[in-house]
Amino acid sequence: MPDYRTKQTEQLEPIGANVLIELGFNTIQNNKIIITDPDYKLDNGDCFDFQFSQNFSKYQEVRIDLISAYKKRDKINRRLLQEKIELDIEKDKSEEIFQYINKYLNINKKGKYFDSDEVKAVIYFFYNNEYKLNITPDNILLISTISVREFIYENWRDLIDRGSLKLNDKSDLGDNHGSAFICIKLNQLVDRYCSYENIKLKQFQSSTNLHIDKSLKKL
C-alpha cells in the first residue's frame, strides 16, 4: 500500500502543478530532489503543497495534518487515549489546541501547516471513489494555510468533541512516534473561505467542482 500511494502521488503532483499554472499561478515542482520539501514553488517564492483523497463521497472531509510526530505520555492504547481526549474537552480550560493535546501527547513536531509559514496554500484533489489514472477529480480545493489554521484555532473544541481528531499510532510498525490529523467537512471551509465554479480544465477529460480560497483567487 505505501508504494502504491507513492505512485499515485508521483502521477498527480505534476498534474497539480499544471492545474495551478492554468489557474494563474506561475508554478514549478519543488520536491523532485528532496521529497519532504514543499511540493510547489511559485515565481514569487511562495510554496504550495499537494494532497489527494480517495472515497471522498463517504465522509466529505478534508484531512489536515496536525501533528507530524508525537510520543504518548502514558502507556495507554490509541483508541482509549483518543476517547479520553474527546471526553475531557468539556471540562478543560486550555486556550488553544496544541496546549490541550500536549497534556496527553508529547508533541515533537507539529504538522507542516502549523510548524512554519513556508507553505502558503494547499491544493487538494478529491475522488468520490478509488483514484484511477486519467480520472477527473470530483472536487478540487485550493485553500490558504492561514484559512485552515484560523478555522481550526476558532473551532478546535467542537472538532475534538465530535471525534474529528484522529491519532495514528505506528508502534506496531516499529516506529516510536505517532502522528495525528484533524478532519473538517469540505463545505465548512468552502462556505466560509472559497468561491466555487464547475469548470473544465485542460488537464482533465470532464469538468470538476473547483473551490478556491478568495484570498488566493487569480482567475
Protein backbone atom coordinates (compact mmCIF):
# COMPACT_ATOMS: atom_id res chain seq x y z
CA MET A 1 0.00 0.00 0.00
CA PRO A 2 2.68 2.66 0.79
CA ASP A 3 4.37 2.13 -2.60
CA TYR A 4 1.03 2.27 -4.38
CA ARG A 5 0.12 5.58 -2.77
CA THR A 6 3.55 6.95 -3.63
CA LYS A 7 2.96 6.09 -7.29
CA GLN A 8 -0.38 7.85 -7.14
CA THR A 9 1.24 10.96 -5.70
CA GLU A 10 4.00 10.86 -8.31
CA GLN A 11 1.35 10.71 -11.02
CA LEU A 12 -0.77 13.51 -9.59
CA GLU A 13 1.76 16.11 -8.42
CA PRO A 14 2.77 17.18 -11.96
CA ILE A 15 -0.93 17.45 -12.86
CA GLY A 16 -1.44 19.61 -9.78
CA ALA A 17 1.35 21.91 -10.97
CA ASN A 18 -0.29 22.24 -14.39
CA VAL A 19 -3.66 23.00 -12.79
CA LEU A 20 -2.07 25.77 -10.73
CA ILE A 21 -0.48 27.22 -13.87
CA GLU A 22 -3.85 27.14 -15.64
CA LEU A 23 -5.38 28.96 -12.66
CA GLY A 24 -2.83 31.75 -12.99
CA PHE A 25 -0.09 30.68 -10.58
CA ASN A 26 3.37 30.51 -12.17
CA THR A 27 4.45 27.21 -10.60
CA ILE A 28 7.29 24.68 -10.73
CA GLN A 29 7.51 21.35 -8.92
CA ASN A 30 9.83 21.77 -5.95
CA ASN A 31 10.24 18.32 -4.35
CA LYS A 32 11.99 16.28 -7.04
CA ILE A 33 15.32 16.20 -5.17
CA ILE A 34 14.19 16.37 -1.53
CA ILE A 35 10.80 14.69 -1.26
CA THR A 36 9.94 16.35 2.07
CA ASP A 37 10.26 19.86 0.59
CA PRO A 38 7.04 21.72 -0.25
CA ASP A 39 5.62 20.28 -3.45
CA TYR A 40 5.46 23.50 -5.50
CA LYS A 41 7.24 26.84 -5.61
CA LEU A 42 5.76 29.94 -7.24
CA ASP A 43 7.68 32.66 -9.06
CA ASN A 44 7.20 34.99 -6.07
CA GLY A 45 8.87 32.44 -3.75
CA ASP A 46 5.68 31.19 -2.09
CA CYS A 47 5.31 27.43 -1.60
CA PHE A 48 2.19 25.34 -2.13
CA ASP A 49 1.56 21.72 -1.19
CA PHE A 50 -0.46 18.92 -2.81
CA GLN A 51 -2.73 16.28 -1.30
CA PHE A 52 -5.33 13.92 -2.68
CA SER A 53 -8.13 11.93 -1.12
CA GLN A 54 -9.99 8.83 -2.28
CA ASN A 55 -13.51 7.66 -1.36
CA PHE A 56 -14.42 11.26 -0.63
CA SER A 57 -18.16 10.63 -1.09
CA LYS A 58 -18.18 8.56 2.11
CA TYR A 59 -17.02 11.28 4.53
CA GLN A 60 -16.91 14.59 2.57
CA GLU A 61 -13.93 15.68 4.69
CA VAL A 62 -10.62 17.46 4.29
CA ARG A 63 -7.85 15.79 6.29
CA ILE A 64 -5.42 18.27 7.85
CA ASP A 65 -2.03 17.05 9.14
CA LEU A 66 -1.98 18.42 12.68
CA ILE A 67 0.97 16.63 14.32
CA SER A 68 3.84 15.05 12.39
CA ALA A 69 5.41 13.29 15.38
CA TYR A 70 4.35 12.66 18.95
CA LYS A 71 5.04 10.27 21.82
CA LYS A 72 2.36 9.22 24.27
CA ARG A 73 2.82 10.46 27.83
CA ASP A 74 1.06 7.41 29.30
CA LYS A 75 1.09 3.73 28.38
CA ILE A 76 -2.44 3.62 27.02
CA ASN A 77 -3.60 2.28 23.66
CA ARG A 78 -4.53 4.65 20.86
CA ARG A 79 -8.29 4.06 20.98
CA LEU A 80 -8.61 4.68 24.73
CA LEU A 81 -6.33 7.72 24.53
CA GLN A 82 -8.40 9.20 21.72
CA GLU A 83 -11.59 8.62 23.72
CA LYS A 84 -10.05 10.33 26.77
CA ILE A 85 -9.02 13.36 24.72
CA GLU A 86 -12.59 13.65 23.38
CA LEU A 87 -14.27 13.19 26.78
CA ASP A 88 -12.01 15.60 28.70
CA ILE A 89 -12.61 18.50 26.32
CA GLU A 90 -15.83 19.59 28.08
CA LYS A 91 -14.10 20.38 31.38
CA ASP A 92 -10.76 21.59 30.02
CA LYS A 93 -9.75 25.27 30.15
CA SER A 94 -6.91 25.24 27.61
CA GLU A 95 -6.70 28.29 25.38
CA GLU A 96 -5.59 26.56 22.17
CA ILE A 97 -5.49 23.13 20.58
CA PHE A 98 -1.80 22.29 20.93
CA GLN A 99 -1.80 23.35 24.57
CA TYR A 100 -4.65 20.91 25.18
CA ILE A 101 -3.27 17.98 23.20
CA ASN A 102 0.16 18.39 24.78
CA LYS A 103 -1.34 17.28 28.10
CA TYR A 104 -1.77 13.80 26.60
CA LEU A 105 0.90 13.68 23.89
CA ASN A 106 4.48 14.88 23.89
CA ILE A 107 4.38 16.82 20.61
CA ASN A 108 7.77 16.53 18.91
CA LYS A 109 6.76 18.23 15.68
CA LYS A 110 3.60 19.98 14.54
CA GLY A 111 2.20 19.42 11.06
CA LYS A 112 3.92 21.46 8.37
CA TYR A 113 1.00 23.89 8.06
CA PHE A 114 1.40 24.80 11.74
CA ASP A 115 5.16 24.46 12.18
CA SER A 116 6.17 27.33 9.89
CA ASP A 117 4.81 29.82 7.37
CA GLU A 118 6.71 28.25 4.48
CA VAL A 119 3.66 26.58 2.90
CA LYS A 120 1.16 29.27 1.90
CA ALA A 121 -1.59 27.08 0.42
CA VAL A 122 -2.62 23.51 -0.33
CA ILE A 123 -4.27 22.12 -3.44
CA TYR A 124 -6.41 19.03 -2.85
CA PHE A 125 -7.79 16.58 -5.41
CA PHE A 126 -10.84 14.70 -4.11
CA TYR A 127 -12.06 11.49 -5.77
CA ASN A 128 -15.50 10.23 -4.79
CA ASN A 129 -14.32 6.65 -5.36
CA GLU A 130 -10.93 4.99 -5.84
CA TYR A 131 -8.36 7.01 -7.78
CA LYS A 132 -7.56 5.73 -11.26
CA LEU A 133 -5.15 7.17 -13.80
CA ASN A 134 -6.71 9.83 -16.06
CA ILE A 135 -9.86 10.10 -13.95
CA THR A 136 -11.04 13.66 -13.29
CA PRO A 137 -11.17 14.58 -9.59
CA ASP A 138 -14.73 15.25 -8.44
CA ASN A 139 -13.64 18.27 -6.40
CA ILE A 140 -10.53 20.45 -6.32
CA LEU A 141 -9.82 22.70 -3.35
CA LEU A 142 -7.14 25.39 -3.26
CA ILE A 143 -7.01 26.89 0.21
CA SER A 144 -4.66 29.13 2.15
CA THR A 145 -2.95 27.60 5.18
CA ILE A 146 -3.86 30.81 7.03
CA SER A 147 -7.54 30.00 6.47
CA VAL A 148 -7.05 26.40 7.63
CA ARG A 149 -5.26 27.47 10.80
CA GLU A 150 -7.84 30.16 11.51
CA PHE A 151 -10.72 27.68 11.20
CA ILE A 152 -9.06 25.11 13.45
CA TYR A 153 -7.99 27.63 16.09
CA GLU A 154 -11.53 29.01 16.25
CA ASN A 155 -13.35 25.66 16.22
CA TRP A 156 -10.93 23.17 17.78
CA ARG A 157 -13.12 22.36 20.78
CA ASP A 158 -16.09 21.44 18.62
CA LEU A 159 -13.87 19.45 16.26
CA ILE A 160 -12.37 17.38 19.07
CA ASP A 161 -15.73 16.97 20.79
CA ARG A 162 -17.25 15.36 17.71
CA GLY A 163 -14.32 13.00 17.17
CA SER A 164 -12.56 14.78 14.30
CA LEU A 165 -9.08 14.33 15.81
CA LYS A 166 -7.55 11.04 14.64
CA LEU A 167 -4.41 9.53 16.17
CA ASN A 168 -2.12 7.32 14.11
CA ASP A 169 -0.12 5.02 16.39
CA LYS A 170 2.79 3.47 14.46
CA SER A 171 4.23 1.36 17.28
CA ASP A 172 3.13 -1.86 15.57
CA LEU A 173 5.34 -0.81 12.64
CA GLY A 174 8.38 -0.34 14.86
CA ASP A 175 8.07 3.45 14.95
CA ASN A 176 8.14 5.03 18.42
CA HIS A 177 6.35 8.13 17.17
CA GLY A 178 2.72 8.62 16.20
CA SER A 179 1.05 11.29 14.11
CA ALA A 180 -2.35 12.96 14.16
CA PHE A 181 -4.70 14.63 11.73
CA ILE A 182 -7.97 16.51 12.10
CA CYS A 183 -10.95 16.24 9.74
CA ILE A 184 -13.02 19.21 8.58
CA LYS A 185 -16.10 18.97 6.39
CA LEU A 186 -15.29 20.41 2.96
CA ASN A 187 -18.47 22.51 2.90
CA GLN A 188 -17.43 24.23 6.15
CA LEU A 189 -14.23 25.56 4.57
CA VAL A 190 -15.87 26.30 1.22
CA ASP A 191 -18.81 28.23 2.72
CA ARG A 192 -16.52 30.46 4.74
CA TYR A 193 -13.48 30.99 2.56
CA CYS A 194 -13.98 29.93 -1.05
CA SER A 195 -15.52 30.82 -4.37
CA TYR A 196 -17.00 28.00 -6.43
CA GLU A 197 -17.44 27.08 -10.06
CA ASN A 198 -17.90 23.99 -12.14
CA ILE A 199 -15.08 24.19 -14.66
CA LYS A 200 -13.47 22.24 -17.48
CA LEU A 201 -9.69 22.33 -17.01
CA LYS A 202 -7.24 21.34 -19.75
CA GLN A 203 -5.74 18.58 -17.60
CA PHE A 204 -8.96 16.56 -17.41
CA GLN A 205 -11.47 14.98 -19.75
CA SER A 206 -14.53 16.28 -17.89
CA SER A 207 -15.50 19.21 -15.69
CA THR A 208 -14.87 19.36 -11.95
CA ASN A 209 -16.04 21.37 -8.95
CA LEU A 210 -13.38 23.98 -8.23
CA HIS A 211 -13.20 25.73 -4.85
CA ILE A 212 -10.60 28.50 -4.49
CA ASP A 213 -9.84 30.48 -1.36
CA LYS A 214 -10.90 34.04 -2.14
CA SER A 215 -7.60 35.34 -0.77
CA LEU A 216 -5.77 33.31 -3.43
CA LYS A 217 -8.04 33.71 -6.45
CA LYS A 218 -6.16 34.62 -9.64
CA LEU A 219 -8.67 33.70 -12.34
